[in-house]
Amino acid sequence: MSQRFNSHSVATRLGAQVRASRLRRGLTLTSLGDAVGVHYSQISRLERGQVATLSPNVQKICKYLSIREPSAAGARAQQDLAARVEALRRSIPEAGRVLEALINALEEVEWLVEGASLMER
């Protein structure tokens, strides 16, 4: 029996990872489907976050693309922050640039807070 994902965001995130990995490898939906024995339309649904369970077919796709399967309980949310950031950076092409901007903004806030506390002394 297939396990259900605990949220739509888990399915959406997995779909984005599958799509990014497939495209990085230069695979079409059809060629990936042929390689794993899954119809291309099911892969398309997976990539759009429209698959709600960790079915045997989803597991085959993840294994072929070397993607870590999310658990039904959303174990990804339990990972340490560094691993979660790295997973996002690898799975979404634009994530690196966005994460860098976010980190720069956080460092600037840290600098401003430190500066304010020094001025109070």
N, C-alpha and C. Protein backbone atom coordinates (compact mmCIF):
# COMPACT_ATOMS: atom_id res chain seq x y z
N MET A 1 0.83 -1.19 0.00
CA MET A 1 0.00 0.00 0.00
C MET A 1 0.87 1.25 0.00
N SER A 2 0.50 2.23 -0.78
CA SER A 2 1.26 3.47 -0.91
C SER A 2 0.99 4.39 0.28
N GLN A 3 2.03 5.10 0.70
CA GLN A 3 1.89 6.05 1.79
C GLN A 3 1.52 7.41 1.23
N ARG A 4 0.60 8.10 1.92
CA ARG A 4 0.20 9.43 1.50
C ARG A 4 1.20 10.46 2.02
N PHE A 5 1.46 11.49 1.21
CA PHE A 5 2.27 12.60 1.67
C PHE A 5 1.47 13.37 2.71
N ASN A 6 2.16 13.96 3.68
CA ASN A 6 1.43 14.66 4.74
C ASN A 6 0.98 16.06 4.35
N SER A 7 1.47 16.56 3.21
CA SER A 7 1.02 17.88 2.77
C SER A 7 1.25 18.03 1.27
N HIS A 8 0.53 18.99 0.71
CA HIS A 8 0.70 19.27 -0.72
C HIS A 8 2.09 19.83 -0.99
N SER A 9 2.66 20.54 -0.01
CA SER A 9 3.99 21.12 -0.23
C SER A 9 5.05 20.04 -0.39
N VAL A 10 4.90 18.90 0.27
CA VAL A 10 5.85 17.79 0.11
C VAL A 10 5.77 17.27 -1.32
N ALA A 11 4.55 17.10 -1.83
CA ALA A 11 4.37 16.62 -3.21
C ALA A 11 4.90 17.64 -4.21
N THR A 12 4.67 18.91 -3.96
CA THR A 12 5.15 19.96 -4.86
C THR A 12 6.67 20.02 -4.87
N ARG A 13 7.27 19.93 -3.70
CA ARG A 13 8.73 19.96 -3.59
C ARG A 13 9.35 18.76 -4.29
N LEU A 14 8.77 17.57 -4.09
CA LEU A 14 9.28 16.37 -4.76
C LEU A 14 9.15 16.52 -6.27
N GLY A 15 8.02 17.04 -6.73
CA GLY A 15 7.83 17.25 -8.17
C GLY A 15 8.86 18.18 -8.76
N ALA A 16 9.18 19.25 -8.04
CA ALA A 16 10.21 20.19 -8.51
C ALA A 16 11.58 19.52 -8.58
N GLN A 17 11.87 18.67 -7.62
CA GLN A 17 13.14 17.94 -7.62
C GLN A 17 13.21 16.99 -8.82
N VAL A 18 12.11 16.27 -9.07
CA VAL A 18 12.08 15.33 -10.20
C VAL A 18 12.30 16.08 -11.50
N ARG A 19 11.57 17.17 -11.68
CA ARG A 19 11.69 17.94 -12.92
C ARG A 19 13.12 18.47 -13.12
N ALA A 20 13.68 19.07 -12.07
CA ALA A 20 15.03 19.63 -12.18
C ALA A 20 16.05 18.54 -12.49
N SER A 21 15.93 17.40 -11.84
CA SER A 21 16.86 16.31 -12.08
C SER A 21 16.71 15.75 -13.49
N ARG A 22 15.47 15.61 -13.93
CA ARG A 22 15.21 15.09 -15.28
C ARG A 22 15.81 16.02 -16.33
N LEU A 23 15.59 17.31 -16.16
CA LEU A 23 16.10 18.29 -17.13
C LEU A 23 17.62 18.37 -17.10
N ARG A 24 18.21 18.30 -15.91
CA ARG A 24 19.68 18.30 -15.82
C ARG A 24 20.29 17.13 -16.58
N ARG A 25 19.59 16.02 -16.60
CA ARG A 25 20.08 14.82 -17.30
C ARG A 25 19.71 14.82 -18.78
N GLY A 26 18.99 15.84 -19.21
CA GLY A 26 18.61 15.93 -20.62
C GLY A 26 17.54 14.92 -21.02
N LEU A 27 16.71 14.52 -20.07
CA LEU A 27 15.66 13.53 -20.35
C LEU A 27 14.33 14.21 -20.64
N THR A 28 13.58 13.63 -21.54
CA THR A 28 12.20 14.05 -21.76
C THR A 28 11.32 13.24 -20.83
N LEU A 29 10.07 13.65 -20.71
CA LEU A 29 9.12 12.85 -19.92
C LEU A 29 9.04 11.42 -20.48
N THR A 30 9.00 11.33 -21.79
CA THR A 30 8.87 10.01 -22.44
C THR A 30 10.12 9.16 -22.21
N SER A 31 11.30 9.75 -22.37
CA SER A 31 12.52 8.95 -22.19
C SER A 31 12.68 8.50 -20.74
N LEU A 32 12.34 9.34 -19.79
CA LEU A 32 12.39 8.93 -18.39
C LEU A 32 11.37 7.82 -18.14
N GLY A 33 10.16 8.01 -18.68
CA GLY A 33 9.13 6.99 -18.52
C GLY A 33 9.55 5.65 -19.09
N ASP A 34 10.17 5.67 -20.25
CA ASP A 34 10.65 4.42 -20.87
C ASP A 34 11.73 3.77 -19.99
N ALA A 35 12.59 4.59 -19.42
CA ALA A 35 13.70 4.06 -18.62
C ALA A 35 13.22 3.39 -17.33
N VAL A 36 12.14 3.90 -16.75
CA VAL A 36 11.68 3.37 -15.46
C VAL A 36 10.40 2.54 -15.57
N GLY A 37 9.81 2.50 -16.77
CA GLY A 37 8.58 1.72 -16.95
C GLY A 37 7.34 2.39 -16.38
N VAL A 38 7.32 3.73 -16.46
CA VAL A 38 6.17 4.51 -15.96
C VAL A 38 5.69 5.39 -17.09
N HIS A 39 4.38 5.50 -17.27
CA HIS A 39 3.84 6.33 -18.35
C HIS A 39 4.22 7.79 -18.13
N TYR A 40 4.56 8.48 -19.21
CA TYR A 40 5.01 9.87 -19.12
C TYR A 40 3.98 10.78 -18.45
N SER A 41 2.70 10.47 -18.61
CA SER A 41 1.67 11.33 -18.01
C SER A 41 1.71 11.27 -16.49
N GLN A 42 2.09 10.11 -15.94
CA GLN A 42 2.21 10.01 -14.48
C GLN A 42 3.41 10.83 -13.99
N ILE A 43 4.49 10.84 -14.76
CA ILE A 43 5.66 11.65 -14.40
C ILE A 43 5.29 13.13 -14.46
N SER A 44 4.53 13.52 -15.46
CA SER A 44 4.09 14.90 -15.58
C SER A 44 3.24 15.31 -14.38
N ARG A 45 2.33 14.44 -13.97
CA ARG A 45 1.51 14.72 -12.78
C ARG A 45 2.38 14.86 -11.53
N LEU A 46 3.38 13.98 -11.42
CA LEU A 46 4.30 14.04 -10.28
C LEU A 46 5.03 15.38 -10.27
N GLU A 47 5.55 15.79 -11.41
CA GLU A 47 6.29 17.05 -11.49
C GLU A 47 5.43 18.26 -11.15
N ARG A 48 4.14 18.17 -11.39
CA ARG A 48 3.23 19.28 -11.08
C ARG A 48 2.68 19.20 -9.66
N GLY A 49 3.16 18.24 -8.87
CA GLY A 49 2.71 18.13 -7.48
C GLY A 49 1.33 17.55 -7.34
N GLN A 50 0.88 16.83 -8.35
CA GLN A 50 -0.48 16.28 -8.34
C GLN A 50 -0.53 14.81 -7.93
N VAL A 51 0.56 14.30 -7.39
CA VAL A 51 0.59 12.92 -6.91
C VAL A 51 0.61 12.99 -5.39
N ALA A 52 -0.30 12.28 -4.75
CA ALA A 52 -0.47 12.39 -3.30
C ALA A 52 0.17 11.26 -2.52
N THR A 53 0.70 10.25 -3.21
CA THR A 53 1.25 9.10 -2.50
C THR A 53 2.64 8.74 -2.99
N LEU A 54 3.37 8.10 -2.11
CA LEU A 54 4.69 7.58 -2.44
C LEU A 54 4.49 6.16 -2.97
N SER A 55 4.01 6.08 -4.20
CA SER A 55 3.68 4.80 -4.83
C SER A 55 4.94 4.09 -5.31
N PRO A 56 4.85 2.82 -5.66
CA PRO A 56 6.00 2.12 -6.23
C PRO A 56 6.56 2.83 -7.47
N ASN A 57 5.69 3.41 -8.30
CA ASN A 57 6.17 4.13 -9.48
C ASN A 57 6.96 5.38 -9.10
N VAL A 58 6.49 6.12 -8.11
CA VAL A 58 7.21 7.30 -7.64
C VAL A 58 8.56 6.87 -7.07
N GLN A 59 8.58 5.77 -6.35
CA GLN A 59 9.83 5.26 -5.80
C GLN A 59 10.81 4.89 -6.91
N LYS A 60 10.32 4.28 -8.00
CA LYS A 60 11.19 3.93 -9.13
C LYS A 60 11.80 5.18 -9.76
N ILE A 61 10.98 6.21 -9.92
CA ILE A 61 11.45 7.47 -10.52
C ILE A 61 12.52 8.09 -9.62
N CYS A 62 12.25 8.15 -8.33
CA CYS A 62 13.22 8.73 -7.38
C CYS A 62 14.53 7.95 -7.40
N LYS A 63 14.43 6.64 -7.42
CA LYS A 63 15.65 5.82 -7.42
C LYS A 63 16.45 6.07 -8.70
N TYR A 64 15.79 6.09 -9.84
CA TYR A 64 16.47 6.30 -11.11
C TYR A 64 17.18 7.65 -11.15
N LEU A 65 16.53 8.68 -10.60
CA LEU A 65 17.09 10.04 -10.62
C LEU A 65 17.96 10.34 -9.40
N SER A 66 18.15 9.35 -8.54
CA SER A 66 18.94 9.51 -7.31
C SER A 66 18.39 10.62 -6.42
N ILE A 67 17.07 10.63 -6.26
CA ILE A 67 16.40 11.60 -5.41
C ILE A 67 15.96 10.88 -4.14
N ARG A 68 16.26 11.45 -3.02
CA ARG A 68 15.84 10.88 -1.74
C ARG A 68 14.33 11.02 -1.61
N GLU A 69 13.68 9.92 -1.37
CA GLU A 69 12.22 9.93 -1.25
C GLU A 69 11.81 10.58 0.07
N PRO A 70 10.80 11.44 0.02
CA PRO A 70 10.29 11.98 1.29
C PRO A 70 9.47 10.90 1.98
N SER A 71 9.47 10.90 3.28
CA SER A 71 8.62 9.95 3.99
C SER A 71 7.21 10.52 4.03
N ALA A 72 6.27 9.69 4.29
CA ALA A 72 4.88 10.15 4.38
C ALA A 72 4.71 11.13 5.51
N ALA A 73 5.55 11.05 6.51
CA ALA A 73 5.45 11.94 7.67
C ALA A 73 6.17 13.26 7.44
N GLY A 74 6.78 13.42 6.28
CA GLY A 74 7.47 14.67 5.98
C GLY A 74 8.79 14.79 6.71
N ALA A 75 9.59 13.75 6.67
CA ALA A 75 10.85 13.73 7.40
C ALA A 75 11.78 14.86 6.97
N ARG A 76 11.57 15.38 5.77
CA ARG A 76 12.42 16.48 5.30
C ARG A 76 12.37 17.65 6.28
N ALA A 77 11.21 17.90 6.87
CA ALA A 77 11.09 19.00 7.82
C ALA A 77 11.91 18.76 9.07
N GLN A 78 12.29 17.52 9.33
CA GLN A 78 13.06 17.16 10.50
C GLN A 78 14.57 17.28 10.26
N GLN A 79 14.97 17.39 9.00
CA GLN A 79 16.40 17.47 8.70
C GLN A 79 16.99 18.74 9.28
N ASP A 80 18.29 18.70 9.50
CA ASP A 80 18.93 19.91 9.99
C ASP A 80 18.87 20.98 8.89
N LEU A 81 19.01 22.21 9.29
CA LEU A 81 18.84 23.34 8.38
C LEU A 81 19.79 23.29 7.20
N ALA A 82 21.04 22.94 7.42
CA ALA A 82 22.01 22.91 6.33
C ALA A 82 21.59 21.91 5.25
N ALA A 83 21.11 20.76 5.65
CA ALA A 83 20.69 19.75 4.68
C ALA A 83 19.46 20.22 3.91
N ARG A 84 18.54 20.90 4.59
CA ARG A 84 17.34 21.39 3.92
C ARG A 84 17.71 22.47 2.90
N VAL A 85 18.61 23.38 3.27
CA VAL A 85 19.04 24.43 2.35
C VAL A 85 19.72 23.82 1.13
N GLU A 86 20.60 22.85 1.37
CA GLU A 86 21.31 22.19 0.27
C GLU A 86 20.34 21.47 -0.66
N ALA A 87 19.34 20.81 -0.11
CA ALA A 87 18.34 20.12 -0.94
C ALA A 87 17.59 21.11 -1.81
N LEU A 88 17.22 22.25 -1.26
CA LEU A 88 16.54 23.28 -2.05
C LEU A 88 17.45 23.81 -3.15
N ARG A 89 18.71 24.06 -2.81
CA ARG A 89 19.66 24.59 -3.78
C ARG A 89 19.83 23.64 -4.97
N ARG A 90 19.86 22.35 -4.69
CA ARG A 90 20.03 21.37 -5.76
C ARG A 90 18.76 21.17 -6.58
N SER A 91 17.61 21.28 -5.95
CA SER A 91 16.37 20.91 -6.63
C SER A 91 15.73 22.02 -7.46
N ILE A 92 16.00 23.26 -7.14
CA ILE A 92 15.36 24.38 -7.85
C ILE A 92 16.47 25.25 -8.44
N PRO A 93 16.51 25.37 -9.76
CA PRO A 93 17.60 26.10 -10.41
C PRO A 93 17.83 27.51 -9.86
N GLU A 94 16.78 28.25 -9.55
CA GLU A 94 16.92 29.62 -9.08
C GLU A 94 17.21 29.72 -7.59
N ALA A 95 17.14 28.60 -6.88
CA ALA A 95 17.25 28.64 -5.42
C ALA A 95 18.59 29.17 -4.95
N GLY A 96 19.67 28.85 -5.63
CA GLY A 96 20.99 29.32 -5.21
C GLY A 96 21.05 30.83 -5.12
N ARG A 97 20.56 31.47 -6.16
CA ARG A 97 20.58 32.94 -6.20
C ARG A 97 19.67 33.53 -5.11
N VAL A 98 18.50 32.94 -4.94
CA VAL A 98 17.55 33.43 -3.93
C VAL A 98 18.10 33.21 -2.52
N LEU A 99 18.66 32.02 -2.28
CA LEU A 99 19.22 31.73 -0.96
C LEU A 99 20.39 32.66 -0.64
N GLU A 100 21.21 32.95 -1.63
CA GLU A 100 22.34 33.86 -1.41
C GLU A 100 21.83 35.25 -1.03
N ALA A 101 20.80 35.72 -1.71
CA ALA A 101 20.24 37.04 -1.39
C ALA A 101 19.64 37.04 0.02
N LEU A 102 18.99 35.95 0.39
CA LEU A 102 18.40 35.84 1.73
C LEU A 102 19.50 35.84 2.80
N ILE A 103 20.54 35.09 2.58
CA ILE A 103 21.65 35.04 3.54
C ILE A 103 22.32 36.41 3.65
N ASN A 104 22.52 37.09 2.53
CA ASN A 104 23.11 38.44 2.56
C ASN A 104 22.24 39.38 3.37
N ALA A 105 20.93 39.29 3.19
CA ALA A 105 20.01 40.15 3.94
C ALA A 105 20.07 39.84 5.43
N LEU A 106 20.14 38.56 5.78
CA LEU A 106 20.23 38.18 7.19
C LEU A 106 21.54 38.65 7.81
N GLU A 107 22.62 38.56 7.05
CA GLU A 107 23.91 39.05 7.56
C GLU A 107 23.89 40.55 7.76
N GLU A 108 23.18 41.26 6.88
CA GLU A 108 23.07 42.71 7.02
C GLU A 108 22.26 43.06 8.27
N VAL A 109 21.20 42.31 8.51
CA VAL A 109 20.40 42.54 9.72
C VAL A 109 21.26 42.29 10.95
N GLU A 110 22.05 41.21 10.93
CA GLU A 110 22.94 40.90 12.05
C GLU A 110 23.91 42.05 12.28
N TRP A 111 24.48 42.59 11.19
CA TRP A 111 25.42 43.69 11.29
C TRP A 111 24.74 44.93 11.89
N LEU A 112 23.51 45.20 11.44
CA LEU A 112 22.78 46.36 11.96
C LEU A 112 22.47 46.21 13.45
N VAL A 113 22.08 45.01 13.85
CA VAL A 113 21.77 44.76 15.26
C VAL A 113 23.02 44.89 16.11
N GLU A 114 24.14 44.33 15.63
CA GLU A 114 25.39 44.47 16.37
C GLU A 114 25.79 45.93 16.47
N GLY A 115 25.64 46.68 15.39
CA GLY A 115 25.98 48.10 15.40
C GLY A 115 25.12 48.87 16.38
N ALA A 116 23.85 48.56 16.43
CA ALA A 116 22.94 49.25 17.35
C ALA A 116 23.31 48.95 18.80
N SER A 117 23.67 47.69 19.08
CA SER A 117 24.01 47.34 20.46
C SER A 117 25.33 47.99 20.87
N LEU A 118 26.26 48.18 19.93
CA LEU A 118 27.52 48.86 20.26
C LEU A 118 27.26 50.33 20.57
N MET A 119 26.32 50.95 19.84
CA MET A 119 26.01 52.37 20.06
C MET A 119 25.34 52.58 21.40
N GLU A 120 24.65 51.57 21.92
CA GLU A 120 23.98 51.70 23.21
C GLU A 120 24.95 51.65 24.38
N ARG A 121 26.14 51.12 24.15
CA ARG A 121 27.11 50.96 25.25
C ARG A 121 27.76 52.24 25.63
